[in-house]
Amino acid sequence: RYDVMIEFDDRALVFEVKSAAADEDTDALAGSALRQITEKRYGADTGKPVIAVGLAFRGKECAAAAAVSECGKNN
């Protein structure tokens, strides 16, 4: 399951949020969160384009990775 989805009339935003351990690379973890959204096809059931956002944080440090996918459109 995705962490957060915001659905609009013409698109959906899907967020996957990860918490990084002290020795983990937040950029790599954000990329991993983004891949999870794509691989598990989160938001595909909406039938709309999906803006996928992977977030990783450690304390106040945050990294993000994003992509636009047409996976929700009639697939």
PDB file of N, CA and C in Angstrom:
ATOM      1  N   ARG A   1       0.836  -1.188   0.000  1.00  0.00           N
ATOM      2  CA  ARG A   1       0.000   0.000   0.000  1.00  0.00           C
ATOM      3  C   ARG A   1       0.874   1.242   0.000  1.00  0.00           C
ATOM      4  N   TYR A   2       0.428   2.258  -0.718  1.00  0.00           N
ATOM      5  CA  TYR A   2       1.112   3.545  -0.715  1.00  0.00           C
ATOM      6  C   TYR A   2       0.874   4.230   0.623  1.00  0.00           C
ATOM      7  N   ASP A   3       1.695   5.240   0.917  1.00  0.00           N
ATOM      8  CA  ASP A   3       1.537   5.973   2.171  1.00  0.00           C
ATOM      9  C   ASP A   3       0.467   7.053   2.063  1.00  0.00           C
ATOM     10  N   VAL A   4       0.503   7.824   0.961  1.00  0.00           N
ATOM     11  CA  VAL A   4      -0.470   8.906   0.770  1.00  0.00           C
ATOM     12  C   VAL A   4      -0.814   8.993  -0.711  1.00  0.00           C
ATOM     13  N   MET A   5      -2.107   9.169  -1.016  1.00  0.00           N
ATOM     14  CA  MET A   5      -2.512   9.459  -2.388  1.00  0.00           C
ATOM     15  C   MET A   5      -3.482  10.628  -2.355  1.00  0.00           C
ATOM     16  N   ILE A   6      -3.233  11.597  -3.233  1.00  0.00           N
ATOM     17  CA  ILE A   6      -4.133  12.734  -3.401  1.00  0.00           C
ATOM     18  C   ILE A   6      -4.653  12.639  -4.826  1.00  0.00           C
ATOM     19  N   GLU A   7      -5.948  12.523  -4.966  1.00  0.00           N
ATOM     20  CA  GLU A   7      -6.539  12.337  -6.287  1.00  0.00           C
ATOM     21  C   GLU A   7      -7.262  13.605  -6.731  1.00  0.00           C
ATOM     22  N   PHE A   8      -6.940  14.043  -7.946  1.00  0.00           N
ATOM     23  CA  PHE A   8      -7.585  15.196  -8.564  1.00  0.00           C
ATOM     24  C   PHE A   8      -8.437  14.707  -9.725  1.00  0.00           C
ATOM     25  N   ASP A   9      -9.155  15.622 -10.380  1.00  0.00           N
ATOM     26  CA  ASP A   9      -9.986  15.238 -11.523  1.00  0.00           C
ATOM     27  C   ASP A   9      -9.164  14.638 -12.656  1.00  0.00           C
ATOM     28  N   ASP A  10      -7.943  15.154 -12.870  1.00  0.00           N
ATOM     29  CA  ASP A  10      -7.157  14.756 -14.034  1.00  0.00           C
ATOM     30  C   ASP A  10      -5.852  14.033 -13.718  1.00  0.00           C
ATOM     31  N   ARG A  11      -5.532  13.815 -12.454  1.00  0.00           N
ATOM     32  CA  ARG A  11      -4.282  13.129 -12.086  1.00  0.00           C
ATOM     33  C   ARG A  11      -4.336  12.683 -10.638  1.00  0.00           C
ATOM     34  N   ALA A  12      -3.350  11.870 -10.275  1.00  0.00           N
ATOM     35  CA  ALA A  12      -3.218  11.426  -8.885  1.00  0.00           C
ATOM     36  C   ALA A  12      -1.767  11.600  -8.456  1.00  0.00           C
ATOM     37  N   LEU A  13      -1.567  12.034  -7.241  1.00  0.00           N
ATOM     38  CA  LEU A  13      -0.234  12.116  -6.648  1.00  0.00           C
ATOM     39  C   LEU A  13      -0.111  10.991  -5.639  1.00  0.00           C
ATOM     40  N   VAL A  14       0.953  10.196  -5.768  1.00  0.00           N
ATOM     41  CA  VAL A  14       1.180   9.088  -4.849  1.00  0.00           C
ATOM     42  C   VAL A  14       2.514   9.318  -4.157  1.00  0.00           C
ATOM     43  N   PHE A  15       2.508   9.255  -2.829  1.00  0.00           N
ATOM     44  CA  PHE A  15       3.710   9.457  -2.030  1.00  0.00           C
ATOM     45  C   PHE A  15       4.058   8.169  -1.298  1.00  0.00           C
ATOM     46  N   GLU A  16       5.325   7.809  -1.354  1.00  0.00           N
ATOM     47  CA  GLU A  16       5.866   6.710  -0.550  1.00  0.00           C
ATOM     48  C   GLU A  16       6.964   7.320   0.300  1.00  0.00           C
ATOM     49  N   VAL A  17       6.873   7.151   1.619  1.00  0.00           N
ATOM     50  CA  VAL A  17       7.791   7.799   2.548  1.00  0.00           C
ATOM     51  C   VAL A  17       8.610   6.737   3.274  1.00  0.00           C
ATOM     52  N   LYS A  18       9.924   6.950   3.323  1.00  0.00           N
ATOM     53  CA  LYS A  18      10.832   6.022   4.000  1.00  0.00           C
ATOM     54  C   LYS A  18      11.630   6.769   5.058  1.00  0.00           C
ATOM     55  N   SER A  19      11.928   6.095   6.138  1.00  0.00           N
ATOM     56  CA  SER A  19      12.765   6.644   7.196  1.00  0.00           C
ATOM     57  C   SER A  19      14.147   5.993   7.098  1.00  0.00           C
ATOM     58  N   ALA A  20      15.183   6.811   6.981  1.00  0.00           N
ATOM     59  CA  ALA A  20      16.548   6.307   6.806  1.00  0.00           C
ATOM     60  C   ALA A  20      17.225   6.066   8.148  1.00  0.00           C
ATOM     61  N   ALA A  21      17.965   4.976   8.220  1.00  0.00           N
ATOM     62  CA  ALA A  21      18.800   4.707   9.386  1.00  0.00           C
ATOM     63  C   ALA A  21      20.016   5.641   9.330  1.00  0.00           C
ATOM     64  N   ALA A  22      20.760   5.711  10.393  1.00  0.00           N
ATOM     65  CA  ALA A  22      21.896   6.631  10.497  1.00  0.00           C
ATOM     66  C   ALA A  22      22.909   6.440   9.376  1.00  0.00           C
ATOM     67  N   ASP A  23      23.083   5.215   8.909  1.00  0.00           N
ATOM     68  CA  ASP A  23      24.103   4.949   7.892  1.00  0.00           C
ATOM     69  C   ASP A  23      23.544   4.819   6.471  1.00  0.00           C
ATOM     70  N   GLU A  24      22.253   5.086   6.260  1.00  0.00           N
ATOM     71  CA  GLU A  24      21.643   4.947   4.939  1.00  0.00           C
ATOM     72  C   GLU A  24      21.711   6.249   4.155  1.00  0.00           C
ATOM     73  N   ASP A  25      21.846   6.109   2.838  1.00  0.00           N
ATOM     74  CA  ASP A  25      21.859   7.234   1.909  1.00  0.00           C
ATOM     75  C   ASP A  25      20.414   7.629   1.607  1.00  0.00           C
ATOM     76  N   THR A  26      20.029   8.848   1.973  1.00  0.00           N
ATOM     77  CA  THR A  26      18.643   9.275   1.780  1.00  0.00           C
ATOM     78  C   THR A  26      18.282   9.385   0.296  1.00  0.00           C
ATOM     79  N   ASP A  27      19.217   9.794  -0.553  1.00  0.00           N
ATOM     80  CA  ASP A  27      18.929   9.877  -1.992  1.00  0.00           C
ATOM     81  C   ASP A  27      18.610   8.497  -2.557  1.00  0.00           C
ATOM     82  N   ALA A  28      19.406   7.509  -2.185  1.00  0.00           N
ATOM     83  CA  ALA A  28      19.171   6.141  -2.659  1.00  0.00           C
ATOM     84  C   ALA A  28      17.849   5.599  -2.128  1.00  0.00           C
ATOM     85  N   LEU A  29      17.531   5.912  -0.894  1.00  0.00           N
ATOM     86  CA  LEU A  29      16.287   5.436  -0.296  1.00  0.00           C
ATOM     87  C   LEU A  29      15.075   6.092  -0.952  1.00  0.00           C
ATOM     88  N   ALA A  30      15.186   7.366  -1.307  1.00  0.00           N
ATOM     89  CA  ALA A  30      14.097   8.047  -2.021  1.00  0.00           C
ATOM     90  C   ALA A  30      13.887   7.399  -3.387  1.00  0.00           C
ATOM     91  N   GLY A  31      14.980   7.054  -4.050  1.00  0.00           N
ATOM     92  CA  GLY A  31      14.884   6.351  -5.335  1.00  0.00           C
ATOM     93  C   GLY A  31      14.223   4.996  -5.175  1.00  0.00           C
ATOM     94  N   SER A  32      14.527   4.313  -4.095  1.00  0.00           N
ATOM     95  CA  SER A  32      13.908   3.028  -3.806  1.00  0.00           C
ATOM     96  C   SER A  32      12.404   3.180  -3.581  1.00  0.00           C
ATOM     97  N   ALA A  33      12.005   4.226  -2.890  1.00  0.00           N
ATOM     98  CA  ALA A  33      10.585   4.494  -2.664  1.00  0.00           C
ATOM     99  C   ALA A  33       9.875   4.765  -3.988  1.00  0.00           C
ATOM    100  N   LEU A  34      10.526   5.505  -4.878  1.00  0.00           N
ATOM    101  CA  LEU A  34       9.960   5.799  -6.195  1.00  0.00           C
ATOM    102  C   LEU A  34       9.797   4.509  -7.007  1.00  0.00           C
ATOM    103  N   ARG A  35      10.802   3.651  -6.983  1.00  0.00           N
ATOM    104  CA  ARG A  35      10.718   2.367  -7.694  1.00  0.00           C
ATOM    105  C   ARG A  35       9.576   1.510  -7.145  1.00  0.00           C
ATOM    106  N   GLN A  36       9.361   1.567  -5.844  1.00  0.00           N
ATOM    107  CA  GLN A  36       8.278   0.796  -5.230  1.00  0.00           C
ATOM    108  C   GLN A  36       6.922   1.240  -5.787  1.00  0.00           C
ATOM    109  N   ILE A  37       6.737   2.533  -5.931  1.00  0.00           N
ATOM    110  CA  ILE A  37       5.482   3.052  -6.482  1.00  0.00           C
ATOM    111  C   ILE A  37       5.277   2.517  -7.895  1.00  0.00           C
ATOM    112  N   THR A  38       6.336   2.543  -8.699  1.00  0.00           N
ATOM    113  CA  THR A  38       6.251   2.099 -10.085  1.00  0.00           C
ATOM    114  C   THR A  38       6.039   0.595 -10.184  1.00  0.00           C
ATOM    115  N   GLU A  39       6.840  -0.161  -9.458  1.00  0.00           N
ATOM    116  CA  GLU A  39       6.777  -1.626  -9.546  1.00  0.00           C
ATOM    117  C   GLU A  39       5.442  -2.173  -9.042  1.00  0.00           C
ATOM    118  N   LYS A  40       4.905  -1.578  -8.004  1.00  0.00           N
ATOM    119  CA  LYS A  40       3.642  -2.067  -7.441  1.00  0.00           C
ATOM    120  C   LYS A  40       2.428  -1.383  -8.059  1.00  0.00           C
ATOM    121  N   ARG A  41       2.694  -0.485  -9.016  1.00  0.00           N
ATOM    122  CA  ARG A  41       1.654   0.203  -9.784  1.00  0.00           C
ATOM    123  C   ARG A  41       0.639   0.924  -8.895  1.00  0.00           C
ATOM    124  N   TYR A  42       1.152   1.579  -7.856  1.00  0.00           N
ATOM    125  CA  TYR A  42       0.287   2.359  -6.980  1.00  0.00           C
ATOM    126  C   TYR A  42      -0.401   3.449  -7.806  1.00  0.00           C
ATOM    127  N   GLY A  43      -1.677   3.604  -7.646  1.00  0.00           N
ATOM    128  CA  GLY A  43      -2.439   4.621  -8.361  1.00  0.00           C
ATOM    129  C   GLY A  43      -2.953   4.178  -9.710  1.00  0.00           C
ATOM    130  N   ALA A  44      -2.546   3.017 -10.196  1.00  0.00           N
ATOM    131  CA  ALA A  44      -2.962   2.553 -11.520  1.00  0.00           C
ATOM    132  C   ALA A  44      -4.478   2.370 -11.598  1.00  0.00           C
ATOM    133  N   ASP A  45      -5.101   2.050 -10.483  1.00  0.00           N
ATOM    134  CA  ASP A  45      -6.539   1.820 -10.482  1.00  0.00           C
ATOM    135  C   ASP A  45      -7.354   3.106 -10.621  1.00  0.00           C
ATOM    136  N   THR A  46      -6.699   4.258 -10.585  1.00  0.00           N
ATOM    137  CA  THR A  46      -7.424   5.524 -10.728  1.00  0.00           C
ATOM    138  C   THR A  46      -7.778   5.815 -12.176  1.00  0.00           C
ATOM    139  N   GLY A  47      -7.050   5.221 -13.124  1.00  0.00           N
ATOM    140  CA  GLY A  47      -7.280   5.504 -14.533  1.00  0.00           C
ATOM    141  C   GLY A  47      -6.762   6.861 -14.968  1.00  0.00           C
ATOM    142  N   LYS A  48      -5.894   7.455 -14.151  1.00  0.00           N
ATOM    143  CA  LYS A  48      -5.357   8.797 -14.422  1.00  0.00           C
ATOM    144  C   LYS A  48      -3.842   8.751 -14.435  1.00  0.00           C
ATOM    145  N   PRO A  49      -3.195   9.753 -15.056  1.00  0.00           N
ATOM    146  CA  PRO A  49      -1.736   9.840 -14.924  1.00  0.00           C
ATOM    147  C   PRO A  49      -1.353   9.963 -13.448  1.00  0.00           C
ATOM    148  N   VAL A  50      -0.242   9.352 -13.092  1.00  0.00           N
ATOM    149  CA  VAL A  50       0.211   9.333 -11.702  1.00  0.00           C
ATOM    150  C   VAL A  50       1.511  10.113 -11.571  1.00  0.00           C
ATOM    151  N   ILE A  51       1.544  11.042 -10.654  1.00  0.00           N
ATOM    152  CA  ILE A  51       2.784  11.716 -10.278  1.00  0.00           C
ATOM    153  C   ILE A  51       3.266  10.999  -9.026  1.00  0.00           C
ATOM    154  N   ALA A  52       4.364  10.290  -9.166  1.00  0.00           N
ATOM    155  CA  ALA A  52       4.905   9.477  -8.077  1.00  0.00           C
ATOM    156  C   ALA A  52       6.013  10.247  -7.378  1.00  0.00           C
ATOM    157  N   VAL A  53       5.980  10.257  -6.057  1.00  0.00           N
ATOM    158  CA  VAL A  53       6.984  10.965  -5.264  1.00  0.00           C
ATOM    159  C   VAL A  53       7.503  10.030  -4.174  1.00  0.00           C
ATOM    160  N   GLY A  54       8.793   9.751  -4.232  1.00  0.00           N
ATOM    161  CA  GLY A  54       9.441   8.972  -3.190  1.00  0.00           C
ATOM    162  C   GLY A  54      10.177   9.923  -2.266  1.00  0.00           C
ATOM    163  N   LEU A  55       9.936   9.810  -0.980  1.00  0.00           N
ATOM    164  CA  LEU A  55      10.573  10.670   0.017  1.00  0.00           C
ATOM    165  C   LEU A  55      11.335   9.818   1.018  1.00  0.00           C
ATOM    166  N   ALA A  56      12.497  10.299   1.414  1.00  0.00           N
ATOM    167  CA  ALA A  56      13.263   9.638   2.472  1.00  0.00           C
ATOM    168  C   ALA A  56      13.751  10.713   3.423  1.00  0.00           C
ATOM    169  N   PHE A  57      13.692  10.418   4.695  1.00  0.00           N
ATOM    170  CA  PHE A  57      14.147  11.408   5.667  1.00  0.00           C
ATOM    171  C   PHE A  57      14.930  10.741   6.782  1.00  0.00           C
ATOM    172  N   ARG A  58      15.779  11.538   7.364  1.00  0.00           N
ATOM    173  CA  ARG A  58      16.532  11.165   8.570  1.00  0.00           C
ATOM    174  C   ARG A  58      16.638  12.446   9.380  1.00  0.00           C
ATOM    175  N   GLY A  59      15.933  12.496  10.476  1.00  0.00           N
ATOM    176  CA  GLY A  59      15.904  13.727  11.260  1.00  0.00           C
ATOM    177  C   GLY A  59      15.298  14.839  10.425  1.00  0.00           C
ATOM    178  N   LYS A  60      16.031  15.928  10.265  1.00  0.00           N
ATOM    179  CA  LYS A  60      15.547  17.048   9.453  1.00  0.00           C
ATOM    180  C   LYS A  60      16.062  16.999   8.025  1.00  0.00           C
ATOM    181  N   GLU A  61      16.876  15.997   7.711  1.00  0.00           N
ATOM    182  CA  GLU A  61      17.386  15.824   6.345  1.00  0.00           C
ATOM    183  C   GLU A  61      16.351  15.058   5.529  1.00  0.00           C
ATOM    184  N   CYS A  62      16.098  15.539   4.314  1.00  0.00           N
ATOM    185  CA  CYS A  62      15.086  14.905   3.467  1.00  0.00           C
ATOM    186  C   CYS A  62      15.586  14.848   2.031  1.00  0.00           C
ATOM    187  N   ALA A  63      15.241  13.779   1.324  1.00  0.00           N
ATOM    188  CA  ALA A  63      15.553  13.644  -0.099  1.00  0.00           C
ATOM    189  C   ALA A  63      14.273  13.225  -0.805  1.00  0.00           C
ATOM    190  N   ALA A  64      14.150  13.644  -2.072  1.00  0.00           N
ATOM    191  CA  ALA A  64      12.952  13.319  -2.842  1.00  0.00           C
ATOM    192  C   ALA A  64      13.328  12.871  -4.242  1.00  0.00           C
ATOM    193  N   ALA A  65      12.534  11.990  -4.801  1.00  0.00           N
ATOM    194  CA  ALA A  65      12.659  11.558  -6.182  1.00  0.00           C
ATOM    195  C   ALA A  65      11.245  11.529  -6.735  1.00  0.00           C
ATOM    196  N   ALA A  66      11.056  11.988  -7.974  1.00  0.00           N
ATOM    197  CA  ALA A  66       9.711  12.055  -8.535  1.00  0.00           C
ATOM    198  C   ALA A  66       9.715  11.673 -10.002  1.00  0.00           C
ATOM    199  N   ALA A  67       8.561  11.201 -10.463  1.00  0.00           N
ATOM    200  CA  ALA A  67       8.381  10.833 -11.865  1.00  0.00           C
ATOM    201  C   ALA A  67       6.898  10.926 -12.197  1.00  0.00           C
ATOM    202  N   VAL A  68       6.614  11.146 -13.478  1.00  0.00           N
ATOM    203  CA  VAL A  68       5.233  11.150 -13.970  1.00  0.00           C
ATOM    204  C   VAL A  68       5.040   9.876 -14.774  1.00  0.00           C
ATOM    205  N   SER A  69       3.959   9.191 -14.501  1.00  0.00           N
ATOM    206  CA  SER A  69       3.683   7.929 -15.172  1.00  0.00           C
ATOM    207  C   SER A  69       2.299   7.951 -15.761  1.00  0.00           C
ATOM    208  N   GLU A  70       2.163   7.355 -16.908  1.00  0.00           N
ATOM    209  CA  GLU A  70       0.848   7.201 -17.526  1.00  0.00           C
ATOM    210  C   GLU A  70       0.263   5.846 -17.158  1.00  0.00           C
ATOM    211  N   CYS A  71       0.849   5.153 -16.177  1.00  0.00           N
ATOM    212  CA  CYS A  71       0.445   3.773 -15.857  1.00  0.00           C
ATOM    213  C   CYS A  71      -1.016   3.680 -15.453  1.00  0.00           C
ATOM    214  N   GLY A  72      -1.601   4.749 -14.970  1.00  0.00           N
ATOM    215  CA  GLY A  72      -2.992   4.688 -14.567  1.00  0.00           C
ATOM    216  C   GLY A  72      -3.960   4.864 -15.713  1.00  0.00           C
ATOM    217  N   LYS A  73      -3.473   5.278 -16.881  1.00  0.00           N
ATOM    218  CA  LYS A  73      -4.371   5.563 -17.991  1.00  0.00           C
ATOM    219  C   LYS A  73      -4.656   4.325 -18.820  1.00  0.00           C
ATOM    220  N   ASN A  74      -5.804   3.762 -18.599  1.00  0.00           N
ATOM    221  CA  ASN A  74      -6.311   2.649 -19.411  1.00  0.00           C
ATOM    222  C   ASN A  74      -5.329   1.512 -19.592  1.00  0.00           C
ATOM    223  N   ASN A  75      -4.546   1.192 -18.611  1.00  0.00           N
ATOM    224  CA  ASN A  75      -3.617   0.045 -18.682  1.00  0.00           C
ATOM    225  C   ASN A  75      -4.031  -1.029 -17.738  1.00  0.00           C
TER     226      ASN A  75
END
